[in-house]
PDB file of N, CA and C in Angstrom:
ATOM      1  N   UNK A   1      16.751 -23.519 110.832  1.00  0.00           N
ATOM      2  CA  UNK A   1      15.746 -22.310 110.511  1.00  0.00           C
ATOM      3  C   UNK A   1      15.632 -21.250 109.656  1.00  0.00           C
ATOM      4  N   UNK A   2      15.292 -20.679 108.664  1.00  0.00           N
ATOM      5  CA  UNK A   2      15.560 -19.358 107.910  1.00  0.00           C
ATOM      6  C   UNK A   2      16.472 -18.404 108.848  1.00  0.00           C
ATOM      7  N   UNK A   3      17.581 -17.160 108.134  1.00  0.00           N
ATOM      8  CA  UNK A   3      17.823 -16.152 108.959  1.00  0.00           C
ATOM      9  C   UNK A   3      16.847 -15.267 108.948  1.00  0.00           C
ATOM     10  N   UNK A   4      16.751 -14.095 108.828  1.00  0.00           N
ATOM     11  CA  UNK A   4      15.546 -12.611 108.435  1.00  0.00           C
ATOM     12  C   UNK A   4      16.319 -12.539 107.401  1.00  0.00           C
ATOM     13  N   UNK A   5      17.316 -12.623 107.203  1.00  0.00           N
ATOM     14  CA  UNK A   5      18.160 -11.569 105.590  1.00  0.00           C
ATOM     15  C   UNK A   5      17.292 -13.306 104.530  1.00  0.00           C
ATOM     16  N   UNK A   6      18.091 -14.383 104.731  1.00  0.00           N
ATOM     17  CA  UNK A   6      17.391 -15.103 103.958  1.00  0.00           C
ATOM     18  C   UNK A   6      15.364 -14.749 103.384  1.00  0.00           C
ATOM     19  N   UNK A   7      14.453 -14.577 104.878  1.00  0.00           N
ATOM     20  CA  UNK A   7      13.570 -14.688 104.481  1.00  0.00           C
ATOM     21  C   UNK A   7      13.510 -14.015 104.013  1.00  0.00           C
ATOM     22  N   UNK A   8      13.343 -12.286 104.016  1.00  0.00           N
ATOM     23  CA  UNK A   8      13.176 -11.002 103.984  1.00  0.00           C
ATOM     24  C   UNK A   8      14.354 -10.957 102.621  1.00  0.00           C
ATOM     25  N   UNK A   9      15.199 -12.150 101.766  1.00  0.00           N
ATOM     26  CA  UNK A   9      15.719 -11.731 100.394  1.00  0.00           C
ATOM     27  C   UNK A   9      14.515 -12.591  99.661  1.00  0.00           C
ATOM     28  N   UNK A  10      13.999 -13.793 100.229  1.00  0.00           N
ATOM     29  CA  UNK A  10      12.756 -13.972  99.545  1.00  0.00           C
ATOM     30  C   UNK A  10      11.769 -13.757  99.168  1.00  0.00           C
ATOM     31  N   UNK A  11      11.438 -13.027 100.207  1.00  0.00           N
ATOM     32  CA  UNK A  11      10.174 -11.621 100.052  1.00  0.00           C
ATOM     33  C   UNK A  11      10.400 -10.746  98.467  1.00  0.00           C
ATOM     34  N   UNK A  12      11.686  -9.735  97.716  1.00  0.00           N
ATOM     35  CA  UNK A  12      11.976  -8.949  97.289  1.00  0.00           C
ATOM     36  C   UNK A  12      12.014  -9.932  95.897  1.00  0.00           C
ATOM     37  N   UNK A  13      11.168 -11.068  95.882  1.00  0.00           N
ATOM     38  CA  UNK A  13      10.929 -11.865  94.840  1.00  0.00           C
ATOM     39  C   UNK A  13       8.698 -11.645  94.451  1.00  0.00           C
ATOM     40  N   UNK A  14       8.982 -11.033  95.292  1.00  0.00           N
ATOM     41  CA  UNK A  14       7.432 -10.198  95.260  1.00  0.00           C
ATOM     42  C   UNK A  14       7.059  -9.787  93.621  1.00  0.00           C
ATOM     43  N   UNK A  15       5.681 -10.199  92.830  1.00  0.00           N
ATOM     44  CA  UNK A  15       5.269  -9.376  91.517  1.00  0.00           C
ATOM     45  C   UNK A  15       5.714  -8.294  91.690  1.00  0.00           C
ATOM     46  N   UNK A  16       6.449  -7.728  90.597  1.00  0.00           N
ATOM     47  CA  UNK A  16       6.103  -6.316  90.379  1.00  0.00           C
ATOM     48  C   UNK A  16       4.730  -5.190  91.053  1.00  0.00           C
ATOM     49  N   UNK A  17       3.439  -6.117  90.512  1.00  0.00           N
ATOM     50  CA  UNK A  17       2.427  -5.192  91.197  1.00  0.00           C
ATOM     51  C   UNK A  17       1.952  -5.464  93.041  1.00  0.00           C
ATOM     52  N   UNK A  18       2.222  -6.029  92.909  1.00  0.00           N
ATOM     53  CA  UNK A  18       2.666  -5.915  94.739  1.00  0.00           C
ATOM     54  C   UNK A  18       4.443  -5.187  95.706  1.00  0.00           C
ATOM     55  N   UNK A  19       4.996  -5.152  94.543  1.00  0.00           N
ATOM     56  CA  UNK A  19       6.137  -3.897  95.731  1.00  0.00           C
ATOM     57  C   UNK A  19       5.713  -2.281  94.852  1.00  0.00           C
ATOM     58  N   UNK A  20       4.956  -2.478  94.022  1.00  0.00           N
ATOM     59  CA  UNK A  20       4.628  -1.152  93.528  1.00  0.00           C
ATOM     60  C   UNK A  20       3.570  -0.524  94.506  1.00  0.00           C
ATOM     61  N   UNK A  21       2.467  -1.700  94.846  1.00  0.00           N
ATOM     62  CA  UNK A  21       1.644  -1.651  95.867  1.00  0.00           C
ATOM     63  C   UNK A  21       2.289  -1.340  97.246  1.00  0.00           C
ATOM     64  N   UNK A  22       3.023  -1.667  97.790  1.00  0.00           N
ATOM     65  CA  UNK A  22       3.717  -1.861  98.580  1.00  0.00           C
ATOM     66  C   UNK A  22       4.129  -0.401  98.726  1.00  0.00           C
ATOM     67  N   UNK A  23       5.059   0.316  97.761  1.00  0.00           N
ATOM     68  CA  UNK A  23       5.985   0.976  97.600  1.00  0.00           C
ATOM     69  C   UNK A  23       4.614   2.462  97.322  1.00  0.00           C
ATOM     70  N   UNK A  24       3.631   2.658  96.918  1.00  0.00           N
ATOM     71  CA  UNK A  24       3.348   3.724  96.944  1.00  0.00           C
ATOM     72  C   UNK A  24       2.215   3.659  97.936  1.00  0.00           C
ATOM     73  N   UNK A  25       1.882   2.358  98.627  1.00  0.00           N
ATOM     74  CA  UNK A  25       1.559   2.559 100.789  1.00  0.00           C
ATOM     75  C   UNK A  25       2.481   3.555 101.087  1.00  0.00           C
ATOM     76  N   UNK A  26       3.867   3.124 101.261  1.00  0.00           N
ATOM     77  CA  UNK A  26       4.892   3.015 101.952  1.00  0.00           C
ATOM     78  C   UNK A  26       4.892   4.656 102.060  1.00  0.00           C
ATOM     79  N   UNK A  27       5.214   5.110 100.473  1.00  0.00           N
ATOM     80  CA  UNK A  27       4.993   6.401 100.521  1.00  0.00           C
ATOM     81  C   UNK A  27       3.408   7.370 101.136  1.00  0.00           C
ATOM     82  N   UNK A  28       2.249   7.651 100.484  1.00  0.00           N
ATOM     83  CA  UNK A  28       2.039   8.236 100.747  1.00  0.00           C
ATOM     84  C   UNK A  28       1.700   8.027 102.207  1.00  0.00           C
ATOM     85  N   UNK A  29       1.641   6.846 103.326  1.00  0.00           N
ATOM     86  CA  UNK A  29       1.854   7.167 104.756  1.00  0.00           C
ATOM     87  C   UNK A  29       2.841   7.909 105.295  1.00  0.00           C
ATOM     88  N   UNK A  30       3.982   8.188 104.629  1.00  0.00           N
ATOM     89  CA  UNK A  30       4.657   9.380 104.609  1.00  0.00           C
ATOM     90  C   UNK A  30       4.381  10.093 104.755  1.00  0.00           C
ATOM     91  N   UNK A  31       3.584  10.279 103.547  1.00  0.00           N
ATOM     92  CA  UNK A  31       3.663  12.130 102.978  1.00  0.00           C
ATOM     93  C   UNK A  31       2.346  12.339 104.210  1.00  0.00           C
ATOM     94  N   UNK A  32       1.934  11.342 104.665  1.00  0.00           N
ATOM     95  CA  UNK A  32       0.234  11.541 105.307  1.00  0.00           C
ATOM     96  C   UNK A  32       0.798  11.949 106.620  1.00  0.00           C
ATOM     97  N   UNK A  33       1.894  11.249 107.521  1.00  0.00           N
ATOM     98  CA  UNK A  33       2.551  11.696 108.613  1.00  0.00           C
ATOM     99  C   UNK A  33       2.248  10.767 109.779  1.00  0.00           C
ATOM    100  N   UNK A  34       1.748   9.769 108.827  1.00  0.00           N
ATOM    101  CA  UNK A  34       1.660   8.383 109.325  1.00  0.00           C
ATOM    102  C   UNK A  34       1.914   7.058 109.770  1.00  0.00           C
ATOM    103  N   UNK A  35       4.045   7.353 109.442  1.00  0.00           N
ATOM    104  CA  UNK A  35       4.977   7.179 109.174  1.00  0.00           C
ATOM    105  C   UNK A  35       5.953   8.261 109.511  1.00  0.00           C
ATOM    106  N   UNK A  36       7.151   8.063 109.518  1.00  0.00           N
ATOM    107  CA  UNK A  36       8.492   9.253 109.460  1.00  0.00           C
ATOM    108  C   UNK A  36       9.921   8.213 108.305  1.00  0.00           C
ATOM    109  N   UNK A  37       9.980   8.812 108.110  1.00  0.00           N
ATOM    110  CA  UNK A  37      10.959   7.647 106.623  1.00  0.00           C
ATOM    111  C   UNK A  37      12.411   6.404 107.368  1.00  0.00           C
ATOM    112  N   UNK A  38      11.687   6.564 108.693  1.00  0.00           N
ATOM    113  CA  UNK A  38      13.221   5.563 109.579  1.00  0.00           C
ATOM    114  C   UNK A  38      12.090   4.293 109.339  1.00  0.00           C
ATOM    115  N   UNK A  39      10.999   4.086 109.971  1.00  0.00           N
ATOM    116  CA  UNK A  39       9.632   3.936 110.099  1.00  0.00           C
ATOM    117  C   UNK A  39       9.340   3.048 108.307  1.00  0.00           C
ATOM    118  N   UNK A  40       9.300   3.931 107.276  1.00  0.00           N
ATOM    119  CA  UNK A  40       8.740   3.254 105.617  1.00  0.00           C
ATOM    120  C   UNK A  40      10.534   2.620 105.777  1.00  0.00           C
ATOM    121  N   UNK A  41      11.654   2.938 106.172  1.00  0.00           N
ATOM    122  CA  UNK A  41      12.433   2.305 105.941  1.00  0.00           C
ATOM    123  C   UNK A  41      12.555   0.352 106.334  1.00  0.00           C
ATOM    124  N   UNK A  42      12.143   0.751 107.572  1.00  0.00           N
ATOM    125  CA  UNK A  42      12.191  -0.698 108.333  1.00  0.00           C
ATOM    126  C   UNK A  42      11.174  -1.375 107.283  1.00  0.00           C
ATOM    127  N   UNK A  43       9.815  -0.844 106.891  1.00  0.00           N
ATOM    128  CA  UNK A  43       8.189  -1.759 106.663  1.00  0.00           C
ATOM    129  C   UNK A  43       9.108  -1.922 105.166  1.00  0.00           C
ATOM    130  N   UNK A  44       9.761  -1.229 104.491  1.00  0.00           N
ATOM    131  CA  UNK A  44      10.192  -1.744 102.922  1.00  0.00           C
ATOM    132  C   UNK A  44      11.399  -2.766 103.482  1.00  0.00           C
ATOM    133  N   UNK A  45      12.514  -2.861 104.001  1.00  0.00           N
ATOM    134  CA  UNK A  45      13.361  -3.585 104.611  1.00  0.00           C
ATOM    135  C   UNK A  45      12.409  -5.226 104.711  1.00  0.00           C
ATOM    136  N   UNK A  46      11.589  -5.363 106.094  1.00  0.00           N
ATOM    137  CA  UNK A  46      11.094  -5.974 106.476  1.00  0.00           C
ATOM    138  C   UNK A  46       9.600  -7.270 104.806  1.00  0.00           C
ATOM    139  N   UNK A  47       9.481  -6.320 103.766  1.00  0.00           N
ATOM    140  CA  UNK A  47       8.725  -6.458 103.151  1.00  0.00           C
ATOM    141  C   UNK A  47       9.303  -7.537 101.880  1.00  0.00           C
ATOM    142  N   UNK A  48      10.675  -6.937 101.653  1.00  0.00           N
ATOM    143  CA  UNK A  48      11.658  -6.522 100.490  1.00  0.00           C
ATOM    144  C   UNK A  48      13.145  -6.380 100.461  1.00  0.00           C
ATOM    145  N   UNK A  49      13.786  -7.039 101.649  1.00  0.00           N
ATOM    146  CA  UNK A  49      14.697  -7.270 101.727  1.00  0.00           C
ATOM    147  C   UNK A  49      15.570  -6.028 101.879  1.00  0.00           C
ATOM    148  N   UNK A  50      16.972  -5.741 102.828  1.00  0.00           N
ATOM    149  CA  UNK A  50      17.344  -4.846 102.731  1.00  0.00           C
ATOM    150  C   UNK A  50      18.157  -3.871 102.739  1.00  0.00           C
ATOM    151  N   UNK A  51      17.993  -4.431 101.006  1.00  0.00           N
ATOM    152  CA  UNK A  51      18.382  -2.898  99.582  1.00  0.00           C
ATOM    153  C   UNK A  51      17.659  -2.616  99.549  1.00  0.00           C
ATOM    154  N   UNK A  52      16.285  -2.764 100.326  1.00  0.00           N
ATOM    155  CA  UNK A  52      15.333  -1.075  99.890  1.00  0.00           C
ATOM    156  C   UNK A  52      15.765  -0.426 101.292  1.00  0.00           C
ATOM    157  N   UNK A  53      15.085   0.921 100.858  1.00  0.00           N
ATOM    158  CA  UNK A  53      14.731   2.040 101.997  1.00  0.00           C
ATOM    159  C   UNK A  53      13.484   2.906 100.855  1.00  0.00           C
ATOM    160  N   UNK A  54      13.189   3.890 101.705  1.00  0.00           N
ATOM    161  CA  UNK A  54      11.660   4.377 101.261  1.00  0.00           C
ATOM    162  C   UNK A  54      12.318   5.453  99.699  1.00  0.00           C
ATOM    163  N   UNK A  55      14.587   5.883  99.974  1.00  0.00           N
ATOM    164  CA  UNK A  55      14.134   6.519  98.944  1.00  0.00           C
ATOM    165  C   UNK A  55      14.612   5.184  97.918  1.00  0.00           C
ATOM    166  N   UNK A  56      14.544   4.168  97.424  1.00  0.00           N
ATOM    167  CA  UNK A  56      14.128   2.900  96.199  1.00  0.00           C
ATOM    168  C   UNK A  56      12.923   2.227  96.313  1.00  0.00           C
ATOM    169  N   UNK A  57      12.127   2.929  97.285  1.00  0.00           N
ATOM    170  CA  UNK A  57      10.678   3.089  96.876  1.00  0.00           C
ATOM    171  C   UNK A  57      10.169   3.980  95.671  1.00  0.00           C
ATOM    172  N   UNK A  58      10.823   5.520  96.293  1.00  0.00           N
ATOM    173  CA  UNK A  58      10.523   6.138  95.285  1.00  0.00           C
ATOM    174  C   UNK A  58      11.072   6.150  94.123  1.00  0.00           C
ATOM    175  N   UNK A  59      12.417   5.752  93.907  1.00  0.00           N
ATOM    176  CA  UNK A  59      12.335   5.184  92.275  1.00  0.00           C
ATOM    177  C   UNK A  59      11.776   4.265  91.992  1.00  0.00           C
ATOM    178  N   UNK A  60      11.792   3.216  92.202  1.00  0.00           N
ATOM    179  CA  UNK A  60      10.802   2.031  91.570  1.00  0.00           C
ATOM    180  C   UNK A  60       9.827   2.613  91.319  1.00  0.00           C
ATOM    181  N   UNK A  61       8.894   3.579  92.381  1.00  0.00           N
ATOM    182  CA  UNK A  61       7.243   3.030  91.555  1.00  0.00           C
ATOM    183  C   UNK A  61       7.415   4.696  90.686  1.00  0.00           C
ATOM    184  N   UNK A  62       8.913   5.339  90.141  1.00  0.00           N
ATOM    185  CA  UNK A  62       9.016   6.909  88.955  1.00  0.00           C
ATOM    186  C   UNK A  62       9.308   5.028  87.358  1.00  0.00           C
ATOM    187  N   UNK A  63       9.559   4.500  87.698  1.00  0.00           N
ATOM    188  CA  UNK A  63      10.088   3.778  87.262  1.00  0.00           C
ATOM    189  C   UNK A  63       9.595   2.584  86.277  1.00  0.00           C
ATOM    190  N   UNK A  64       9.014   2.230  84.334  1.00  0.00           N
ATOM    191  CA  UNK A  64       8.580   1.717  83.585  1.00  0.00           C
ATOM    192  C   UNK A  64       7.291   0.533  84.298  1.00  0.00           C
ATOM    193  N   UNK A  65       8.786  -0.243  85.378  1.00  0.00           N
ATOM    194  CA  UNK A  65       8.294  -1.472  86.227  1.00  0.00           C
ATOM    195  C   UNK A  65       6.440  -1.150  86.605  1.00  0.00           C
ATOM    196  N   UNK A  66       7.336  -0.263  88.152  1.00  0.00           N
ATOM    197  CA  UNK A  66       5.720  -0.098  88.822  1.00  0.00           C
ATOM    198  C   UNK A  66       4.815   0.190  87.987  1.00  0.00           C
ATOM    199  N   UNK A  67       4.992   1.309  87.230  1.00  0.00           N
ATOM    200  CA  UNK A  67       3.927   2.186  86.007  1.00  0.00           C
ATOM    201  C   UNK A  67       3.026   1.108  85.397  1.00  0.00           C
ATOM    202  N   UNK A  68       3.916   0.375  84.470  1.00  0.00           N
ATOM    203  CA  UNK A  68       2.946  -1.255  84.046  1.00  0.00           C
ATOM    204  C   UNK A  68       1.967  -1.312  84.714  1.00  0.00           C
ATOM    205  N   UNK A  69       3.047  -1.683  86.116  1.00  0.00           N
ATOM    206  CA  UNK A  69       2.361  -2.657  86.586  1.00  0.00           C
ATOM    207  C   UNK A  69       0.905  -2.368  87.384  1.00  0.00           C
ATOM    208  N   UNK A  70       0.471  -0.326  88.258  1.00  0.00           N
ATOM    209  CA  UNK A  70      -0.017   0.028  88.114  1.00  0.00           C
ATOM    210  C   UNK A  70      -1.367   0.435  87.696  1.00  0.00           C
ATOM    211  N   UNK A  71      -0.430   0.751  85.784  1.00  0.00           N
ATOM    212  CA  UNK A  71      -1.377   0.717  85.062  1.00  0.00           C
ATOM    213  C   UNK A  71      -2.044  -0.549  84.633  1.00  0.00           C
ATOM    214  N   UNK A  72      -2.274  -1.684  84.954  1.00  0.00           N
ATOM    215  CA  UNK A  72      -2.998  -2.965  84.515  1.00  0.00           C
ATOM    216  C   UNK A  72      -4.090  -3.324  85.874  1.00  0.00           C
ATOM    217  N   UNK A  73      -4.468  -2.427  86.461  1.00  0.00           N
ATOM    218  CA  UNK A  73      -4.953  -2.615  87.834  1.00  0.00           C
ATOM    219  C   UNK A  73      -6.227  -2.013  86.700  1.00  0.00           C
ATOM    220  N   UNK A  74      -7.702  -2.520  86.649  1.00  0.00           N
ATOM    221  CA  UNK A  74      -8.755  -2.279  86.220  1.00  0.00           C
ATOM    222  C   UNK A  74      -9.372  -0.893  86.959  1.00  0.00           C
ATOM    223  N   UNK A  75     -10.261  -0.418  86.061  1.00  0.00           N
ATOM    224  CA  UNK A  75     -10.688   0.953  87.019  1.00  0.00           C
ATOM    225  C   UNK A  75     -11.673   0.603  87.993  1.00  0.00           C
ATOM    226  N   UNK A  76     -11.619   1.874  89.071  1.00  0.00           N
ATOM    227  CA  UNK A  76     -12.518   1.335  90.265  1.00  0.00           C
ATOM    228  C   UNK A  76     -11.751  -0.047  91.067  1.00  0.00           C
ATOM    229  N   UNK A  77     -10.573  -0.627  91.304  1.00  0.00           N
ATOM    230  CA  UNK A  77      -9.530  -1.229  91.557  1.00  0.00           C
ATOM    231  C   UNK A  77      -9.578  -0.781  93.268  1.00  0.00           C
ATOM    232  N   UNK A  78      -9.738  -1.258  93.603  1.00  0.00           N
ATOM    233  CA  UNK A  78     -10.161  -1.355  95.433  1.00  0.00           C
ATOM    234  C   UNK A  78      -9.551  -2.157  96.099  1.00  0.00           C
ATOM    235  N   UNK A  79      -8.310  -1.803  97.258  1.00  0.00           N
ATOM    236  CA  UNK A  79      -8.473  -3.001  98.183  1.00  0.00           C
ATOM    237  C   UNK A  79      -7.895  -1.813  99.280  1.00  0.00           C
ATOM    238  N   UNK A  80      -9.187  -2.583 100.559  1.00  0.00           N
ATOM    239  CA  UNK A  80      -8.760  -1.089 101.718  1.00  0.00           C
ATOM    240  C   UNK A  80      -8.938  -0.370 101.325  1.00  0.00           C
ATOM    241  N   UNK A  81      -7.603   0.905 102.207  1.00  0.00           N
ATOM    242  CA  UNK A  81      -8.100   2.679 101.658  1.00  0.00           C
ATOM    243  C   UNK A  81      -7.084   3.070 100.249  1.00  0.00           C
ATOM    244  N   UNK A  82      -6.760   1.487  99.540  1.00  0.00           N
ATOM    245  CA  UNK A  82      -6.091   1.792  97.616  1.00  0.00           C
ATOM    246  C   UNK A  82      -6.613   1.495  96.948  1.00  0.00           C
ATOM    247  N   UNK A  83      -6.290   2.384  96.610  1.00  0.00           N
ATOM    248  CA  UNK A  83      -7.098   2.282  94.804  1.00  0.00           C
ATOM    249  C   UNK A  83      -6.629   2.737  94.026  1.00  0.00           C
ATOM    250  N   UNK A  84      -6.385   2.190  92.819  1.00  0.00           N
ATOM    251  CA  UNK A  84      -6.038   3.032  91.425  1.00  0.00           C
ATOM    252  C   UNK A  84      -6.173   4.233  91.089  1.00  0.00           C
ATOM    253  N   UNK A  85      -6.190   5.625  91.534  1.00  0.00           N
ATOM    254  CA  UNK A  85      -6.071   6.449  91.473  1.00  0.00           C
ATOM    255  C   UNK A  85      -5.221   6.879  92.802  1.00  0.00           C
ATOM    256  N   UNK A  86      -5.178   6.279  94.022  1.00  0.00           N
ATOM    257  CA  UNK A  86      -3.925   7.416  95.090  1.00  0.00           C
ATOM    258  C   UNK A  86      -3.236   6.116  94.918  1.00  0.00           C
ATOM    259  N   UNK A  87      -2.708   5.011  94.292  1.00  0.00           N
ATOM    260  CA  UNK A  87      -1.584   4.043  93.293  1.00  0.00           C
ATOM    261  C   UNK A  87      -0.883   4.826  92.394  1.00  0.00           C
ATOM    262  N   UNK A  88      -1.686   5.877  91.364  1.00  0.00           N
ATOM    263  CA  UNK A  88      -1.010   6.753  90.125  1.00  0.00           C
ATOM    264  C   UNK A  88      -0.458   8.048  90.663  1.00  0.00           C
ATOM    265  N   UNK A  89      -1.355   8.930  92.125  1.00  0.00           N
ATOM    266  CA  UNK A  89      -0.809  10.018  92.766  1.00  0.00           C
ATOM    267  C   UNK A  89       0.163   9.286  93.266  1.00  0.00           C
ATOM    268  N   UNK A  90       0.913   8.322  93.722  1.00  0.00           N
ATOM    269  CA  UNK A  90       2.141   8.128  94.446  1.00  0.00           C
ATOM    270  C   UNK A  90       3.529   7.825  93.705  1.00  0.00           C
ATOM    271  N   UNK A  91       2.420   7.686  91.812  1.00  0.00           N
ATOM    272  CA  UNK A  91       3.804   7.135  91.065  1.00  0.00           C
ATOM    273  C   UNK A  91       3.772   9.050  91.162  1.00  0.00           C
ATOM    274  N   UNK A  92       3.280   9.633  90.421  1.00  0.00           N
ATOM    275  CA  UNK A  92       3.493  10.684  90.274  1.00  0.00           C
ATOM    276  C   UNK A  92       4.240  12.002  91.168  1.00  0.00           C
ATOM    277  N   UNK A  93       3.987  11.452  92.180  1.00  0.00           N
ATOM    278  CA  UNK A  93       4.937  12.518  93.317  1.00  0.00           C
ATOM    279  C   UNK A  93       5.705  11.722  93.640  1.00  0.00           C
ATOM    280  N   UNK A  94       6.275  10.353  93.056  1.00  0.00           N
ATOM    281  CA  UNK A  94       7.685   9.890  93.215  1.00  0.00           C
ATOM    282  C   UNK A  94       8.044  10.832  92.224  1.00  0.00           C
ATOM    283  N   UNK A  95       7.927  10.342  90.726  1.00  0.00           N
ATOM    284  CA  UNK A  95       8.522  11.130  89.430  1.00  0.00           C
ATOM    285  C   UNK A  95       8.918  12.448  90.157  1.00  0.00           C
ATOM    286  N   UNK A  96       7.909  13.507  90.482  1.00  0.00           N
ATOM    287  CA  UNK A  96       8.545  14.832  91.263  1.00  0.00           C
ATOM    288  C   UNK A  96       9.363  15.021  91.578  1.00  0.00           C
ATOM    289  N   UNK A  97       9.529  13.805  92.504  1.00  0.00           N
ATOM    290  CA  UNK A  97      10.606  14.237  94.125  1.00  0.00           C
ATOM    291  C   UNK A  97      11.473  13.843  92.550  1.00  0.00           C
ATOM    292  N   UNK A  98      11.686  11.811  92.349  1.00  0.00           N
ATOM    293  CA  UNK A  98      12.842  12.189  91.375  1.00  0.00           C
ATOM    294  C   UNK A  98      13.924  12.918  90.355  1.00  0.00           C
ATOM    295  N   UNK A  99      12.743  13.816  90.169  1.00  0.00           N
ATOM    296  CA  UNK A  99      12.817  15.112  88.912  1.00  0.00           C
ATOM    297  C   UNK A  99      13.397  16.263  89.565  1.00  0.00           C
ATOM    298  N   UNK A 100      12.755  16.968  91.269  1.00  0.00           N
ATOM    299  CA  UNK A 100      12.937  17.980  91.642  1.00  0.00           C
ATOM    300  C   UNK A 100      14.256  18.076  93.126  1.00  0.00           C
ATOM    301  N   UNK A 101      14.120  16.844  94.265  1.00  0.00           N
ATOM    302  CA  UNK A 101      14.435  16.290  95.175  1.00  0.00           C
ATOM    303  C   UNK A 101      16.029  17.050  95.258  1.00  0.00           C
ATOM    304  N   UNK A 102      16.909  16.650  94.219  1.00  0.00           N
ATOM    305  CA  UNK A 102      18.177  16.894  94.451  1.00  0.00           C
ATOM    306  C   UNK A 102      18.621  18.705  94.306  1.00  0.00           C
ATOM    307  N   UNK A 103      19.379  18.939  95.180  1.00  0.00           N
ATOM    308  CA  UNK A 103      19.577  20.523  95.409  1.00  0.00           C
ATOM    309  C   UNK A 103      20.418  21.029  94.548  1.00  0.00           C
ATOM    310  N   UNK A 104      21.231  19.972  93.674  1.00  0.00           N
ATOM    311  CA  UNK A 104      21.383  20.551  92.549  1.00  0.00           C
ATOM    312  C   UNK A 104      20.881  20.688  90.898  1.00  0.00           C
ATOM    313  N   UNK A 105      20.292  19.852  91.043  1.00  0.00           N
ATOM    314  CA  UNK A 105      18.963  20.149  90.222  1.00  0.00           C
ATOM    315  C   UNK A 105      18.821  18.961  89.192  1.00  0.00           C
ATOM    316  N   UNK A 106      19.349  18.190  89.913  1.00  0.00           N
ATOM    317  CA  UNK A 106      19.809  16.652  89.202  1.00  0.00           C
ATOM    318  C   UNK A 106      18.870  15.947  89.601  1.00  0.00           C
ATOM    319  N   UNK A 107      18.070  14.806  88.061  1.00  0.00           N
ATOM    320  CA  UNK A 107      17.653  14.010  88.001  1.00  0.00           C
ATOM    321  C   UNK A 107      17.763  12.625  89.498  1.00  0.00           C
ATOM    322  N   UNK A 108      16.973  12.250  90.150  1.00  0.00           N
ATOM    323  CA  UNK A 108      17.442  11.015  91.037  1.00  0.00           C
ATOM    324  C   UNK A 108      17.597   9.919  90.177  1.00  0.00           C
ATOM    325  N   UNK A 109      16.757   9.933  88.971  1.00  0.00           N
ATOM    326  CA  UNK A 109      16.999   9.054  88.329  1.00  0.00           C
ATOM    327  C   UNK A 109      16.633   9.542  86.176  1.00  0.00           C
ATOM    328  N   UNK A 110      16.207   8.259  85.823  1.00  0.00           N
ATOM    329  CA  UNK A 110      16.416   8.990  84.544  1.00  0.00           C
ATOM    330  C   UNK A 110      15.341   8.362  83.867  1.00  0.00           C
ATOM    331  N   UNK A 111      14.121   7.778  84.711  1.00  0.00           N
ATOM    332  CA  UNK A 111      12.863   7.180  82.972  1.00  0.00           C
ATOM    333  C   UNK A 111      12.410   8.717  82.503  1.00  0.00           C
ATOM    334  N   UNK A 112      11.778   7.639  82.165  1.00  0.00           N
ATOM    335  CA  UNK A 112      10.166   8.994  81.032  1.00  0.00           C
ATOM    336  C   UNK A 112      10.436   9.739  82.298  1.00  0.00           C
ATOM    337  N   UNK A 113       9.006   9.230  82.997  1.00  0.00           N
ATOM    338  CA  UNK A 113       8.090   9.688  83.543  1.00  0.00           C
ATOM    339  C   UNK A 113       9.482  11.427  84.243  1.00  0.00           C
ATOM    340  N   UNK A 114      10.017  10.830  84.706  1.00  0.00           N
ATOM    341  CA  UNK A 114      10.942  11.793  85.354  1.00  0.00           C
ATOM    342  C   UNK A 114      11.721  12.926  84.720  1.00  0.00           C
ATOM    343  N   UNK A 115      11.731  12.266  83.572  1.00  0.00           N
ATOM    344  CA  UNK A 115      12.757  13.211  82.465  1.00  0.00           C
ATOM    345  C   UNK A 115      11.479  14.177  81.839  1.00  0.00           C
ATOM    346  N   UNK A 116      10.298  13.303  81.625  1.00  0.00           N
ATOM    347  CA  UNK A 116       8.785  14.164  80.612  1.00  0.00           C
ATOM    348  C   UNK A 116       8.493  15.134  82.263  1.00  0.00           C
ATOM    349  N   UNK A 117       8.023  15.253  83.456  1.00  0.00           N
ATOM    350  CA  UNK A 117       8.610  16.076  84.779  1.00  0.00           C
ATOM    351  C   UNK A 117       9.132  17.401  84.296  1.00  0.00           C
ATOM    352  N   UNK A 118      10.705  17.371  84.316  1.00  0.00           N
ATOM    353  CA  UNK A 118      11.119  18.001  84.895  1.00  0.00           C
ATOM    354  C   UNK A 118      11.333  18.861  83.846  1.00  0.00           C
ATOM    355  N   UNK A 119      11.082  18.206  82.615  1.00  0.00           N
ATOM    356  CA  UNK A 119      10.863  18.669  81.341  1.00  0.00           C
ATOM    357  C   UNK A 119       9.945  19.939  80.588  1.00  0.00           C
ATOM    358  N   UNK A 120       9.124  19.404  81.410  1.00  0.00           N
ATOM    359  CA  UNK A 120       7.579  20.017  80.816  1.00  0.00           C
ATOM    360  C   UNK A 120       6.591  20.574  82.844  1.00  0.00           C
ATOM    361  N   UNK A 121       7.549  20.806  83.396  1.00  0.00           N
ATOM    362  CA  UNK A 121       6.680  20.784  84.706  1.00  0.00           C
ATOM    363  C   UNK A 121       7.402  22.105  85.700  1.00  0.00           C
ATOM    364  N   UNK A 122       8.847  22.011  84.978  1.00  0.00           N
ATOM    365  CA  UNK A 122       9.842  22.703  85.721  1.00  0.00           C
ATOM    366  C   UNK A 122      11.017  22.971  84.926  1.00  0.00           C
ATOM    367  N   UNK A 123      10.732  23.513  83.883  1.00  0.00           N
ATOM    368  CA  UNK A 123      11.148  24.101  82.642  1.00  0.00           C
ATOM    369  C   UNK A 123      13.084  24.671  83.500  1.00  0.00           C
ATOM    370  N   UNK A 124      12.759  25.735  84.130  1.00  0.00           N
ATOM    371  CA  UNK A 124      14.284  25.657  84.470  1.00  0.00           C
ATOM    372  C   UNK A 124      15.245  24.956  84.959  1.00  0.00           C
ATOM    373  N   UNK A 125      14.639  23.793  85.306  1.00  0.00           N
ATOM    374  CA  UNK A 125      15.380  23.307  86.224  1.00  0.00           C
ATOM    375  C   UNK A 125      16.005  21.816  85.785  1.00  0.00           C
ATOM    376  N   UNK A 126      15.740  21.382  84.261  1.00  0.00           N
ATOM    377  CA  UNK A 126      15.681  21.045  83.374  1.00  0.00           C
ATOM    378  C   UNK A 126      17.076  20.950  83.187  1.00  0.00           C
ATOM    379  N   UNK A 127      18.157  20.482  84.004  1.00  0.00           N
ATOM    380  CA  UNK A 127      19.801  20.607  83.654  1.00  0.00           C
ATOM    381  C   UNK A 127      20.280  18.884  83.315  1.00  0.00           C
TER     382      UNK A 127
END
């Protein structure tokens, strides 16, 4: 019988689109108040492995792999309450958090989206 860690580690091999959509769903659920950050972390660890947290999901969503995966969805795509538009909104929100959440104005990641958001939307914080 496989341990929970082994099962979670194996699930972490989800394809990028599945990882991106799960991260987007969790981020949007936290934003809307459906779950808190601790529950979000539990959901992510259960689905993707022990190293995942809400912050990890936010950083992943702002990165190129998640952006490309979500961009690959056809226009008008729908799965439950998730649409391509909502997934893109989650990416933009994640990028904004990574660009602006640090109290000293530092970026949480250095991806292109975060750099662009910091430079163009918040030029006073782009250090």
